PDB file of all heavy atoms in Angstrom:
ATOM      1  N   GLU A   1       0.848  -1.188   0.000  1.00  0.00           N
ATOM      2  CA  GLU A   1       0.000   0.000   0.000  1.00  0.00           C
ATOM      3  C   GLU A   1       0.889   1.246   0.000  1.00  0.00           C
ATOM      4  O   GLU A   1       1.859   1.311   0.742  1.00  0.00           O
ATOM      5  CB  GLU A   1      -0.912   0.040   1.226  1.00  0.00           C
ATOM      6  CG  GLU A   1      -1.846  -1.153   1.330  1.00  0.00           C
ATOM      7  CD  GLU A   1      -1.301  -2.228   2.252  1.00  0.00           C
ATOM      8  OE1 GLU A   1      -0.129  -2.619   2.082  1.00  0.00           O
ATOM      9  OE2 GLU A   1      -2.048  -2.687   3.118  1.00  0.00           O
ATOM     10  N   ALA A   2       0.536   2.217  -0.804  1.00  0.00           N
ATOM     11  CA  ALA A   2       1.391   3.391  -1.004  1.00  0.00           C
ATOM     12  C   ALA A   2       1.772   4.067   0.310  1.00  0.00           C
ATOM     13  O   ALA A   2       2.946   4.368   0.531  1.00  0.00           O
ATOM     14  CB  ALA A   2       0.720   4.386  -1.946  1.00  0.00           C
ATOM     15  N   GLY A   3       0.820   4.316   1.184  1.00  0.00           N
ATOM     16  CA  GLY A   3       1.120   5.021   2.433  1.00  0.00           C
ATOM     17  C   GLY A   3       2.083   4.269   3.319  1.00  0.00           C
ATOM     18  O   GLY A   3       2.998   4.851   3.904  1.00  0.00           O
ATOM     19  N   ILE A   4       1.882   2.969   3.428  1.00  0.00           N
ATOM     20  CA  ILE A   4       2.766   2.149   4.268  1.00  0.00           C
ATOM     21  C   ILE A   4       4.129   1.987   3.600  1.00  0.00           C
ATOM     22  O   ILE A   4       5.170   2.140   4.236  1.00  0.00           O
ATOM     23  CB  ILE A   4       2.116   0.789   4.572  1.00  0.00           C
ATOM     24  CG1 ILE A   4       0.871   1.001   5.432  1.00  0.00           C
ATOM     25  CG2 ILE A   4       3.104  -0.151   5.249  1.00  0.00           C
ATOM     26  CD1 ILE A   4       0.022  -0.222   5.632  1.00  0.00           C
ATOM     27  N   ALA A   5       4.126   1.689   2.307  1.00  0.00           N
ATOM     28  CA  ALA A   5       5.389   1.522   1.581  1.00  0.00           C
ATOM     29  C   ALA A   5       6.217   2.804   1.614  1.00  0.00           C
ATOM     30  O   ALA A   5       7.445   2.757   1.732  1.00  0.00           O
ATOM     31  CB  ALA A   5       5.113   1.094   0.139  1.00  0.00           C
ATOM     32  N   GLU A   6       5.544   3.944   1.547  1.00  0.00           N
ATOM     33  CA  GLU A   6       6.261   5.222   1.619  1.00  0.00           C
ATOM     34  C   GLU A   6       6.956   5.373   2.972  1.00  0.00           C
ATOM     35  O   GLU A   6       8.111   5.812   3.038  1.00  0.00           O
ATOM     36  CB  GLU A   6       5.286   6.378   1.408  1.00  0.00           C
ATOM     37  CG  GLU A   6       5.928   7.730   1.558  1.00  0.00           C
ATOM     38  CD  GLU A   6       4.912   8.851   1.656  1.00  0.00           C
ATOM     39  OE1 GLU A   6       3.703   8.618   1.492  1.00  0.00           O
ATOM     40  OE2 GLU A   6       5.347   9.980   1.908  1.00  0.00           O
ATOM     41  N   GLN A   7       6.276   5.002   4.046  1.00  0.00           N
ATOM     42  CA  GLN A   7       6.880   5.108   5.379  1.00  0.00           C
ATOM     43  C   GLN A   7       8.070   4.160   5.524  1.00  0.00           C
ATOM     44  O   GLN A   7       9.084   4.511   6.137  1.00  0.00           O
ATOM     45  CB  GLN A   7       5.831   4.826   6.461  1.00  0.00           C
ATOM     46  CG  GLN A   7       4.732   5.866   6.515  1.00  0.00           C
ATOM     47  CD  GLN A   7       5.278   7.272   6.723  1.00  0.00           C
ATOM     48  OE1 GLN A   7       6.115   7.509   7.585  1.00  0.00           O
ATOM     49  NE2 GLN A   7       4.803   8.205   5.926  1.00  0.00           N
ATOM     50  N   VAL A   8       7.964   2.967   4.945  1.00  0.00           N
ATOM     51  CA  VAL A   8       9.083   2.025   4.982  1.00  0.00           C
ATOM     52  C   VAL A   8      10.257   2.593   4.179  1.00  0.00           C
ATOM     53  O   VAL A   8      11.405   2.531   4.624  1.00  0.00           O
ATOM     54  CB  VAL A   8       8.663   0.633   4.440  1.00  0.00           C
ATOM     55  CG1 VAL A   8       9.865  -0.292   4.300  1.00  0.00           C
ATOM     56  CG2 VAL A   8       7.608   0.010   5.354  1.00  0.00           C
ATOM     57  N   ALA A   9       9.965   3.156   3.013  1.00  0.00           N
ATOM     58  CA  ALA A   9      11.028   3.754   2.193  1.00  0.00           C
ATOM     59  C   ALA A   9      11.722   4.881   2.945  1.00  0.00           C
ATOM     60  O   ALA A   9      12.949   4.995   2.924  1.00  0.00           O
ATOM     61  CB  ALA A   9      10.445   4.254   0.869  1.00  0.00           C
ATOM     62  N   LYS A  10      10.943   5.710   3.641  1.00  0.00           N
ATOM     63  CA  LYS A  10      11.532   6.801   4.422  1.00  0.00           C
ATOM     64  C   LYS A  10      12.389   6.258   5.559  1.00  0.00           C
ATOM     65  O   LYS A  10      13.469   6.792   5.843  1.00  0.00           O
ATOM     66  CB  LYS A  10      10.440   7.716   4.976  1.00  0.00           C
ATOM     67  CG  LYS A  10       9.803   8.598   3.935  1.00  0.00           C
ATOM     68  CD  LYS A  10       8.713   9.464   4.542  1.00  0.00           C
ATOM     69  CE  LYS A  10       8.061  10.345   3.511  1.00  0.00           C
ATOM     70  NZ  LYS A  10       6.976  11.147   4.105  1.00  0.00           N
ATOM     71  N   ALA A  11      11.921   5.204   6.205  1.00  0.00           N
ATOM     72  CA  ALA A  11      12.695   4.601   7.291  1.00  0.00           C
ATOM     73  C   ALA A  11      14.007   4.035   6.754  1.00  0.00           C
ATOM     74  O   ALA A  11      15.069   4.196   7.375  1.00  0.00           O
ATOM     75  CB  ALA A  11      11.888   3.510   7.987  1.00  0.00           C
ATOM     76  N   LEU A  12      13.947   3.390   5.599  1.00  0.00           N
ATOM     77  CA  LEU A  12      15.177   2.863   5.000  1.00  0.00           C
ATOM     78  C   LEU A  12      16.131   3.999   4.633  1.00  0.00           C
ATOM     79  O   LEU A  12      17.344   3.895   4.840  1.00  0.00           O
ATOM     80  CB  LEU A  12      14.855   2.018   3.769  1.00  0.00           C
ATOM     81  CG  LEU A  12      14.241   0.652   4.042  1.00  0.00           C
ATOM     82  CD1 LEU A  12      13.758   0.014   2.745  1.00  0.00           C
ATOM     83  CD2 LEU A  12      15.246  -0.251   4.740  1.00  0.00           C
ATOM     84  N   PHE A  13      15.587   5.088   4.082  1.00  0.00           N
ATOM     85  CA  PHE A  13      16.437   6.224   3.736  1.00  0.00           C
ATOM     86  C   PHE A  13      17.112   6.789   4.982  1.00  0.00           C
ATOM     87  O   PHE A  13      18.319   7.047   4.981  1.00  0.00           O
ATOM     88  CB  PHE A  13      15.625   7.315   3.029  1.00  0.00           C
ATOM     89  CG  PHE A  13      16.454   8.521   2.706  1.00  0.00           C
ATOM     90  CD1 PHE A  13      17.354   8.494   1.660  1.00  0.00           C
ATOM     91  CD2 PHE A  13      16.363   9.666   3.470  1.00  0.00           C
ATOM     92  CE1 PHE A  13      18.156   9.596   1.377  1.00  0.00           C
ATOM     93  CE2 PHE A  13      17.146  10.770   3.190  1.00  0.00           C
ATOM     94  CZ  PHE A  13      18.044  10.742   2.143  1.00  0.00           C
ATOM     95  N   ASN A  14      16.331   6.962   6.053  1.00  0.00           N
ATOM     96  CA  ASN A  14      16.905   7.459   7.306  1.00  0.00           C
ATOM     97  C   ASN A  14      18.001   6.531   7.820  1.00  0.00           C
ATOM     98  O   ASN A  14      19.035   6.983   8.308  1.00  0.00           O
ATOM     99  CB  ASN A  14      15.816   7.633   8.363  1.00  0.00           C
ATOM    100  CG  ASN A  14      14.878   8.771   8.034  1.00  0.00           C
ATOM    101  OD1 ASN A  14      15.235   9.696   7.311  1.00  0.00           O
ATOM    102  ND2 ASN A  14      13.673   8.696   8.542  1.00  0.00           N
ATOM    103  N   LYS A  15      17.776   5.233   7.678  1.00  0.00           N
ATOM    104  CA  LYS A  15      18.791   4.258   8.085  1.00  0.00           C
ATOM    105  C   LYS A  15      20.060   4.455   7.249  1.00  0.00           C
ATOM    106  O   LYS A  15      21.168   4.454   7.787  1.00  0.00           O
ATOM    107  CB  LYS A  15      18.244   2.843   7.901  1.00  0.00           C
ATOM    108  CG  LYS A  15      19.241   1.756   8.203  1.00  0.00           C
ATOM    109  CD  LYS A  15      18.630   0.384   7.963  1.00  0.00           C
ATOM    110  CE  LYS A  15      19.643  -0.718   8.187  1.00  0.00           C
ATOM    111  NZ  LYS A  15      19.035  -2.051   7.946  1.00  0.00           N
ATOM    112  N   GLY A  16      19.894   4.640   5.945  1.00  0.00           N
ATOM    113  CA  GLY A  16      21.050   4.856   5.072  1.00  0.00           C
ATOM    114  C   GLY A  16      21.829   6.102   5.453  1.00  0.00           C
ATOM    115  O   GLY A  16      23.065   6.098   5.485  1.00  0.00           O
ATOM    116  N   VAL A  17      21.116   7.168   5.782  1.00  0.00           N
ATOM    117  CA  VAL A  17      21.768   8.411   6.200  1.00  0.00           C
ATOM    118  C   VAL A  17      22.530   8.191   7.499  1.00  0.00           C
ATOM    119  O   VAL A  17      23.675   8.613   7.645  1.00  0.00           O
ATOM    120  CB  VAL A  17      20.747   9.555   6.339  1.00  0.00           C
ATOM    121  CG1 VAL A  17      21.360  10.772   7.012  1.00  0.00           C
ATOM    122  CG2 VAL A  17      20.185   9.937   4.972  1.00  0.00           C
ATOM    123  N   ARG A  18      21.890   7.532   8.466  1.00  0.00           N
ATOM    124  CA  ARG A  18      22.557   7.280   9.753  1.00  0.00           C
ATOM    125  C   ARG A  18      23.820   6.445   9.568  1.00  0.00           C
ATOM    126  O   ARG A  18      24.849   6.710  10.184  1.00  0.00           O
ATOM    127  CB  ARG A  18      21.605   6.583  10.713  1.00  0.00           C
ATOM    128  CG  ARG A  18      20.562   7.487  11.284  1.00  0.00           C
ATOM    129  CD  ARG A  18      19.717   6.760  12.330  1.00  0.00           C
ATOM    130  NE  ARG A  18      18.660   7.601  12.813  1.00  0.00           N
ATOM    131  CZ  ARG A  18      17.405   7.555  12.363  1.00  0.00           C
ATOM    132  NH1 ARG A  18      17.053   6.695  11.447  1.00  0.00           N
ATOM    133  NH2 ARG A  18      16.504   8.382  12.853  1.00  0.00           N
ATOM    134  N   LEU A  19      23.727   5.432   8.711  1.00  0.00           N
ATOM    135  CA  LEU A  19      24.899   4.590   8.460  1.00  0.00           C
ATOM    136  C   LEU A  19      26.007   5.392   7.780  1.00  0.00           C
ATOM    137  O   LEU A  19      27.182   5.249   8.125  1.00  0.00           O
ATOM    138  CB  LEU A  19      24.513   3.373   7.611  1.00  0.00           C
ATOM    139  CG  LEU A  19      23.659   2.329   8.315  1.00  0.00           C
ATOM    140  CD1 LEU A  19      23.087   1.336   7.309  1.00  0.00           C
ATOM    141  CD2 LEU A  19      24.477   1.601   9.387  1.00  0.00           C
ATOM    142  N   ALA A  20      25.641   6.237   6.827  1.00  0.00           N
ATOM    143  CA  ALA A  20      26.642   7.067   6.148  1.00  0.00           C
ATOM    144  C   ALA A  20      27.305   8.011   7.133  1.00  0.00           C
ATOM    145  O   ALA A  20      28.527   8.199   7.103  1.00  0.00           O
ATOM    146  CB  ALA A  20      25.993   7.846   5.007  1.00  0.00           C
ATOM    147  N   MET A  21      26.522   8.590   8.033  1.00  0.00           N
ATOM    148  CA  MET A  21      27.074   9.512   9.020  1.00  0.00           C
ATOM    149  C   MET A  21      27.976   8.787  10.019  1.00  0.00           C
ATOM    150  O   MET A  21      28.893   9.390  10.575  1.00  0.00           O
ATOM    151  CB  MET A  21      25.950  10.244   9.743  1.00  0.00           C
ATOM    152  CG  MET A  21      25.217  11.227   8.841  1.00  0.00           C
ATOM    153  SD  MET A  21      23.792  12.001   9.638  1.00  0.00           S
ATOM    154  CE  MET A  21      24.594  12.891  10.955  1.00  0.00           C
ATOM    155  N   ALA A  22      27.719   7.501  10.223  1.00  0.00           N
ATOM    156  CA  ALA A  22      28.545   6.696  11.122  1.00  0.00           C
ATOM    157  C   ALA A  22      29.736   6.095  10.379  1.00  0.00           C
ATOM    158  O   ALA A  22      30.408   5.209  10.898  1.00  0.00           O
ATOM    159  CB  ALA A  22      27.705   5.593  11.759  1.00  0.00           C
ATOM    160  N   ASP A  23      29.971   6.572   9.149  1.00  0.00           N
ATOM    161  CA  ASP A  23      31.086   6.116   8.314  1.00  0.00           C
ATOM    162  C   ASP A  23      30.999   4.627   8.001  1.00  0.00           C
ATOM    163  O   ASP A  23      32.009   3.927   7.942  1.00  0.00           O
ATOM    164  CB  ASP A  23      32.434   6.476   8.951  1.00  0.00           C
ATOM    165  CG  ASP A  23      33.536   6.569   7.914  1.00  0.00           C
ATOM    166  OD1 ASP A  23      33.228   6.882   6.740  1.00  0.00           O
ATOM    167  OD2 ASP A  23      34.700   6.297   8.262  1.00  0.00           O
ATOM    168  N   GLN A  24      29.793   4.153   7.811  1.00  0.00           N
ATOM    169  CA  GLN A  24      29.556   2.775   7.385  1.00  0.00           C
ATOM    170  C   GLN A  24      29.003   2.821   5.962  1.00  0.00           C
ATOM    171  O   GLN A  24      27.867   2.448   5.694  1.00  0.00           O
ATOM    172  CB  GLN A  24      28.593   2.080   8.348  1.00  0.00           C
ATOM    173  CG  GLN A  24      29.140   1.956   9.746  1.00  0.00           C
ATOM    174  CD  GLN A  24      28.173   1.237  10.664  1.00  0.00           C
ATOM    175  OE1 GLN A  24      27.440   0.346  10.254  1.00  0.00           O
ATOM    176  NE2 GLN A  24      28.183   1.631  11.923  1.00  0.00           N
ATOM    177  N   LYS A  25      29.852   3.299   5.060  1.00  0.00           N
ATOM    178  CA  LYS A  25      29.404   3.595   3.707  1.00  0.00           C
ATOM    179  C   LYS A  25      28.950   2.361   2.932  1.00  0.00           C
ATOM    180  O   LYS A  25      28.010   2.435   2.150  1.00  0.00           O
ATOM    181  CB  LYS A  25      30.495   4.338   2.944  1.00  0.00           C
ATOM    182  CG  LYS A  25      30.712   5.724   3.495  1.00  0.00           C
ATOM    183  CD  LYS A  25      31.753   6.485   2.729  1.00  0.00           C
ATOM    184  CE  LYS A  25      31.906   7.859   3.354  1.00  0.00           C
ATOM    185  NZ  LYS A  25      32.875   8.666   2.688  1.00  0.00           N
ATOM    186  N   GLU A  26      29.588   1.229   3.154  1.00  0.00           N
ATOM    187  CA  GLU A  26      29.186   0.017   2.439  1.00  0.00           C
ATOM    188  C   GLU A  26      27.756  -0.383   2.818  1.00  0.00           C
ATOM    189  O   GLU A  26      26.933  -0.685   1.954  1.00  0.00           O
ATOM    190  CB  GLU A  26      30.151  -1.129   2.733  1.00  0.00           C
ATOM    191  CG  GLU A  26      29.890  -2.362   1.897  1.00  0.00           C
ATOM    192  CD  GLU A  26      30.943  -3.427   2.115  1.00  0.00           C
ATOM    193  OE1 GLU A  26      32.146  -3.094   2.126  1.00  0.00           O
ATOM    194  OE2 GLU A  26      30.539  -4.589   2.269  1.00  0.00           O
ATOM    195  N   LYS A  27      27.463  -0.355   4.111  1.00  0.00           N
ATOM    196  CA  LYS A  27      26.111  -0.680   4.566  1.00  0.00           C
ATOM    197  C   LYS A  27      25.114   0.368   4.083  1.00  0.00           C
ATOM    198  O   LYS A  27      23.995   0.032   3.683  1.00  0.00           O
ATOM    199  CB  LYS A  27      26.059  -0.776   6.093  1.00  0.00           C
ATOM    200  CG  LYS A  27      26.750  -1.990   6.646  1.00  0.00           C
ATOM    201  CD  LYS A  27      26.647  -2.028   8.152  1.00  0.00           C
ATOM    202  CE  LYS A  27      27.365  -3.234   8.727  1.00  0.00           C
ATOM    203  NZ  LYS A  27      27.254  -3.260  10.206  1.00  0.00           N
ATOM    204  N   ALA A  28      25.515   1.622   4.103  1.00  0.00           N
ATOM    205  CA  ALA A  28      24.639   2.690   3.623  1.00  0.00           C
ATOM    206  C   ALA A  28      24.320   2.492   2.145  1.00  0.00           C
ATOM    207  O   ALA A  28      23.171   2.655   1.716  1.00  0.00           O
ATOM    208  CB  ALA A  28      25.285   4.055   3.853  1.00  0.00           C
ATOM    209  N   ASN A  29      25.326   2.120   1.372  1.00  0.00           N
ATOM    210  CA  ASN A  29      25.134   1.847  -0.052  1.00  0.00           C
ATOM    211  C   ASN A  29      24.137   0.717  -0.267  1.00  0.00           C
ATOM    212  O   ASN A  29      23.291   0.786  -1.149  1.00  0.00           O
ATOM    213  CB  ASN A  29      26.464   1.491  -0.707  1.00  0.00           C
ATOM    214  CG  ASN A  29      26.844   2.453  -1.791  1.00  0.00           C
ATOM    215  OD1 ASN A  29      26.034   3.202  -2.301  1.00  0.00           O
ATOM    216  ND2 ASN A  29      28.113   2.429  -2.146  1.00  0.00           N
ATOM    217  N   GLN A  30      24.238  -0.333   0.536  1.00  0.00           N
ATOM    218  CA  GLN A  30      23.314  -1.466   0.424  1.00  0.00           C
ATOM    219  C   GLN A  30      21.879  -1.007   0.663  1.00  0.00           C
ATOM    220  O   GLN A  30      20.961  -1.428  -0.046  1.00  0.00           O
ATOM    221  CB  GLN A  30      23.684  -2.566   1.410  1.00  0.00           C
ATOM    222  CG  GLN A  30      24.969  -3.277   1.083  1.00  0.00           C
ATOM    223  CD  GLN A  30      25.420  -4.218   2.203  1.00  0.00           C
ATOM    224  OE1 GLN A  30      24.868  -4.217   3.295  1.00  0.00           O
ATOM    225  NE2 GLN A  30      26.430  -5.019   1.917  1.00  0.00           N
ATOM    226  N   VAL A  31      21.693  -0.150   1.648  1.00  0.00           N
ATOM    227  CA  VAL A  31      20.355   0.351   1.962  1.00  0.00           C
ATOM    228  C   VAL A  31      19.823   1.202   0.812  1.00  0.00           C
ATOM    229  O   VAL A  31      18.665   1.060   0.407  1.00  0.00           O
ATOM    230  CB  VAL A  31      20.359   1.145   3.288  1.00  0.00           C
ATOM    231  CG1 VAL A  31      19.026   1.828   3.519  1.00  0.00           C
ATOM    232  CG2 VAL A  31      20.701   0.235   4.455  1.00  0.00           C
ATOM    233  N   VAL A  32      20.666   2.061   0.262  1.00  0.00           N
ATOM    234  CA  VAL A  32      20.233   2.915  -0.848  1.00  0.00           C
ATOM    235  C   VAL A  32      19.835   2.057  -2.049  1.00  0.00           C
ATOM    236  O   VAL A  32      18.788   2.289  -2.667  1.00  0.00           O
ATOM    237  CB  VAL A  32      21.338   3.929  -1.234  1.00  0.00           C
ATOM    238  CG1 VAL A  32      21.008   4.634  -2.534  1.00  0.00           C
ATOM    239  CG2 VAL A  32      21.531   4.940  -0.122  1.00  0.00           C
ATOM    240  N   PHE A  33      20.631   1.044  -2.364  1.00  0.00           N
ATOM    241  CA  PHE A  33      20.290   0.176  -3.487  1.00  0.00           C
ATOM    242  C   PHE A  33      19.000  -0.591  -3.215  1.00  0.00           C
ATOM    243  O   PHE A  33      18.203  -0.816  -4.130  1.00  0.00           O
ATOM    244  CB  PHE A  33      21.434  -0.778  -3.822  1.00  0.00           C
ATOM    245  CG  PHE A  33      22.506  -0.119  -4.639  1.00  0.00           C
ATOM    246  CD1 PHE A  33      23.731   0.197  -4.077  1.00  0.00           C
ATOM    247  CD2 PHE A  33      22.291   0.224  -5.964  1.00  0.00           C
ATOM    248  CE1 PHE A  33      24.720   0.823  -4.814  1.00  0.00           C
ATOM    249  CE2 PHE A  33      23.271   0.847  -6.717  1.00  0.00           C
ATOM    250  CZ  PHE A  33      24.488   1.151  -6.145  1.00  0.00           C
ATOM    251  N   GLU A  34      18.765  -0.971  -1.965  1.00  0.00           N
ATOM    252  CA  GLU A  34      17.515  -1.639  -1.610  1.00  0.00           C
ATOM    253  C   GLU A  34      16.326  -0.712  -1.857  1.00  0.00           C
ATOM    254  O   GLU A  34      15.308  -1.130  -2.412  1.00  0.00           O
ATOM    255  CB  GLU A  34      17.536  -2.083  -0.153  1.00  0.00           C
ATOM    256  CG  GLU A  34      16.278  -2.817   0.262  1.00  0.00           C
ATOM    257  CD  GLU A  34      16.312  -3.315   1.686  1.00  0.00           C
ATOM    258  OE1 GLU A  34      17.375  -3.272   2.333  1.00  0.00           O
ATOM    259  OE2 GLU A  34      15.249  -3.755   2.147  1.00  0.00           O
ATOM    260  N   ILE A  35      16.460   0.546  -1.470  1.00  0.00           N
ATOM    261  CA  ILE A  35      15.385   1.523  -1.705  1.00  0.00           C
ATOM    262  C   ILE A  35      15.103   1.641  -3.195  1.00  0.00           C
ATOM    263  O   ILE A  35      13.958   1.573  -3.637  1.00  0.00           O
ATOM    264  CB  ILE A  35      15.763   2.912  -1.144  1.00  0.00           C
ATOM    265  CG1 ILE A  35      15.864   2.878   0.365  1.00  0.00           C
ATOM    266  CG2 ILE A  35      14.762   3.976  -1.600  1.00  0.00           C
ATOM    267  CD1 ILE A  35      16.530   4.113   0.961  1.00  0.00           C
ATOM    268  N   LEU A  36      16.163   1.827  -3.971  1.00  0.00           N
ATOM    269  CA  LEU A  36      15.990   2.033  -5.408  1.00  0.00           C
ATOM    270  C   LEU A  36      15.466   0.787  -6.092  1.00  0.00           C
ATOM    271  O   LEU A  36      14.628   0.883  -7.004  1.00  0.00           O
ATOM    272  CB  LEU A  36      17.309   2.504  -6.024  1.00  0.00           C
ATOM    273  CG  LEU A  36      17.798   3.860  -5.500  1.00  0.00           C
ATOM    274  CD1 LEU A  36      19.170   4.189  -6.063  1.00  0.00           C
ATOM    275  CD2 LEU A  36      16.803   4.961  -5.787  1.00  0.00           C
ATOM    276  N   ASP A  37      15.908  -0.398  -5.663  1.00  0.00           N
ATOM    277  CA  ASP A  37      15.403  -1.640  -6.246  1.00  0.00           C
ATOM    278  C   ASP A  37      13.940  -1.860  -5.898  1.00  0.00           C
ATOM    279  O   ASP A  37      13.137  -2.238  -6.735  1.00  0.00           O
ATOM    280  CB  ASP A  37      16.209  -2.845  -5.749  1.00  0.00           C
ATOM    281  CG  ASP A  37      17.579  -2.938  -6.388  1.00  0.00           C
ATOM    282  OD1 ASP A  37      17.820  -2.272  -7.407  1.00  0.00           O
ATOM    283  OD2 ASP A  37      18.418  -3.684  -5.844  1.00  0.00           O
ATOM    284  N   ARG A  38      13.597  -1.619  -4.650  1.00  0.00           N
ATOM    285  CA  ARG A  38      12.250  -1.918  -4.163  1.00  0.00           C
ATOM    286  C   ARG A  38      11.225  -0.875  -4.598  1.00  0.00           C
ATOM    287  O   ARG A  38      10.095  -1.214  -4.935  1.00  0.00           O
ATOM    288  CB  ARG A  38      12.258  -1.997  -2.643  1.00  0.00           C
ATOM    289  CG  ARG A  38      10.970  -2.557  -2.077  1.00  0.00           C
ATOM    290  CD  ARG A  38      10.934  -2.536  -0.579  1.00  0.00           C
ATOM    291  NE  ARG A  38      11.883  -3.437   0.035  1.00  0.00           N
ATOM    292  CZ  ARG A  38      11.895  -3.710   1.340  1.00  0.00           C
ATOM    293  NH1 ARG A  38      11.019  -3.148   2.149  1.00  0.00           N
ATOM    294  NH2 ARG A  38      12.785  -4.530   1.845  1.00  0.00           N
ATOM    295  N   TYR A  39      11.605   0.393  -4.610  1.00  0.00           N
ATOM    296  CA  TYR A  39      10.636   1.466  -4.828  1.00  0.00           C
ATOM    297  C   TYR A  39      10.921   2.325  -6.051  1.00  0.00           C
ATOM    298  O   TYR A  39      10.147   3.233  -6.354  1.00  0.00           O
ATOM    299  CB  TYR A  39      10.571   2.375  -3.592  1.00  0.00           C
ATOM    300  CG  TYR A  39      10.227   1.620  -2.346  1.00  0.00           C
ATOM    301  CD1 TYR A  39      11.191   1.379  -1.371  1.00  0.00           C
ATOM    302  CD2 TYR A  39       8.947   1.122  -2.143  1.00  0.00           C
ATOM    303  CE1 TYR A  39      10.887   0.673  -0.221  1.00  0.00           C
ATOM    304  CE2 TYR A  39       8.633   0.408  -0.998  1.00  0.00           C
ATOM    305  CZ  TYR A  39       9.604   0.190  -0.043  1.00  0.00           C
ATOM    306  OH  TYR A  39       9.294  -0.517   1.088  1.00  0.00           O
ATOM    307  N   GLY A  40      12.003   2.061  -6.750  1.00  0.00           N
ATOM    308  CA  GLY A  40      12.423   2.915  -7.856  1.00  0.00           C
ATOM    309  C   GLY A  40      11.441   3.051  -8.991  1.00  0.00           C
ATOM    310  O   GLY A  40      11.439   4.048  -9.701  1.00  0.00           O
ATOM    311  N   LYS A  41      10.564   2.084  -9.163  1.00  0.00           N
ATOM    312  CA  LYS A  41       9.596   2.134 -10.254  1.00  0.00           C
ATOM    313  C   LYS A  41       8.227   2.660  -9.804  1.00  0.00           C
ATOM    314  O   LYS A  41       7.314   2.768 -10.619  1.00  0.00           O
ATOM    315  CB  LYS A  41       9.445   0.757 -10.879  1.00  0.00           C
ATOM    316  CG  LYS A  41      10.709   0.295 -11.592  1.00  0.00           C
ATOM    317  CD  LYS A  41      10.472  -0.966 -12.356  1.00  0.00           C
ATOM    318  CE  LYS A  41      11.624  -1.548 -13.095  1.00  0.00           C
ATOM    319  NZ  LYS A  41      12.876  -1.021 -13.145  1.00  0.00           N
ATOM    320  N   ARG A  42       8.104   2.996  -8.532  1.00  0.00           N
ATOM    321  CA  ARG A  42       6.825   3.523  -8.032  1.00  0.00           C
ATOM    322  C   ARG A  42       6.614   4.919  -8.612  1.00  0.00           C
ATOM    323  O   ARG A  42       7.533   5.728  -8.656  1.00  0.00           O
ATOM    324  CB  ARG A  42       6.813   3.598  -6.503  1.00  0.00           C
ATOM    325  CG  ARG A  42       6.987   2.287  -5.774  1.00  0.00           C
ATOM    326  CD  ARG A  42       5.801   1.352  -5.867  1.00  0.00           C
ATOM    327  NE  ARG A  42       4.611   1.795  -5.222  1.00  0.00           N
ATOM    328  CZ  ARG A  42       4.050   1.218  -4.159  1.00  0.00           C
ATOM    329  NH1 ARG A  42       4.625   0.189  -3.580  1.00  0.00           N
ATOM    330  NH2 ARG A  42       2.925   1.687  -3.678  1.00  0.00           N
ATOM    331  N   THR A  43       5.397   5.180  -9.043  1.00  0.00           N
ATOM    332  CA  THR A  43       5.104   6.456  -9.707  1.00  0.00           C
ATOM    333  C   THR A  43       4.312   7.422  -8.832  1.00  0.00           C
ATOM    334  O   THR A  43       4.093   8.560  -9.237  1.00  0.00           O
ATOM    335  CB  THR A  43       4.323   6.209 -11.014  1.00  0.00           C
ATOM    336  OG1 THR A  43       3.112   5.502 -10.699  1.00  0.00           O
ATOM    337  CG2 THR A  43       5.153   5.412 -12.007  1.00  0.00           C
ATOM    338  N   GLU A  44       3.889   6.969  -7.651  1.00  0.00           N
ATOM    339  CA  GLU A  44       3.142   7.871  -6.779  1.00  0.00           C
ATOM    340  C   GLU A  44       4.035   9.052  -6.386  1.00  0.00           C
ATOM    341  O   GLU A  44       5.208   8.864  -6.073  1.00  0.00           O
ATOM    342  CB  GLU A  44       2.684   7.136  -5.503  1.00  0.00           C
ATOM    343  CG  GLU A  44       1.736   5.984  -5.743  1.00  0.00           C
ATOM    344  CD  GLU A  44       2.448   4.647  -5.891  1.00  0.00           C
ATOM    345  OE1 GLU A  44       3.647   4.610  -6.230  1.00  0.00           O
ATOM    346  OE2 GLU A  44       1.797   3.627  -5.672  1.00  0.00           O
TER     347      GLU A  44
END
C-alpha cells in the first residue's frame, strides 16, 4: 500500500543516512540500493 510503503522507504532512507554519518558507507550503499530496487519504479 502506497502510504505504508512510503513510510518504509523513508525509514530505509533514514537508516542509510545514519549509516553514512557513522562512516559505514558500504552498509549505507546497500540500503540505498535496496530503496531504489524496491521502490524505484513507483510512480506515486
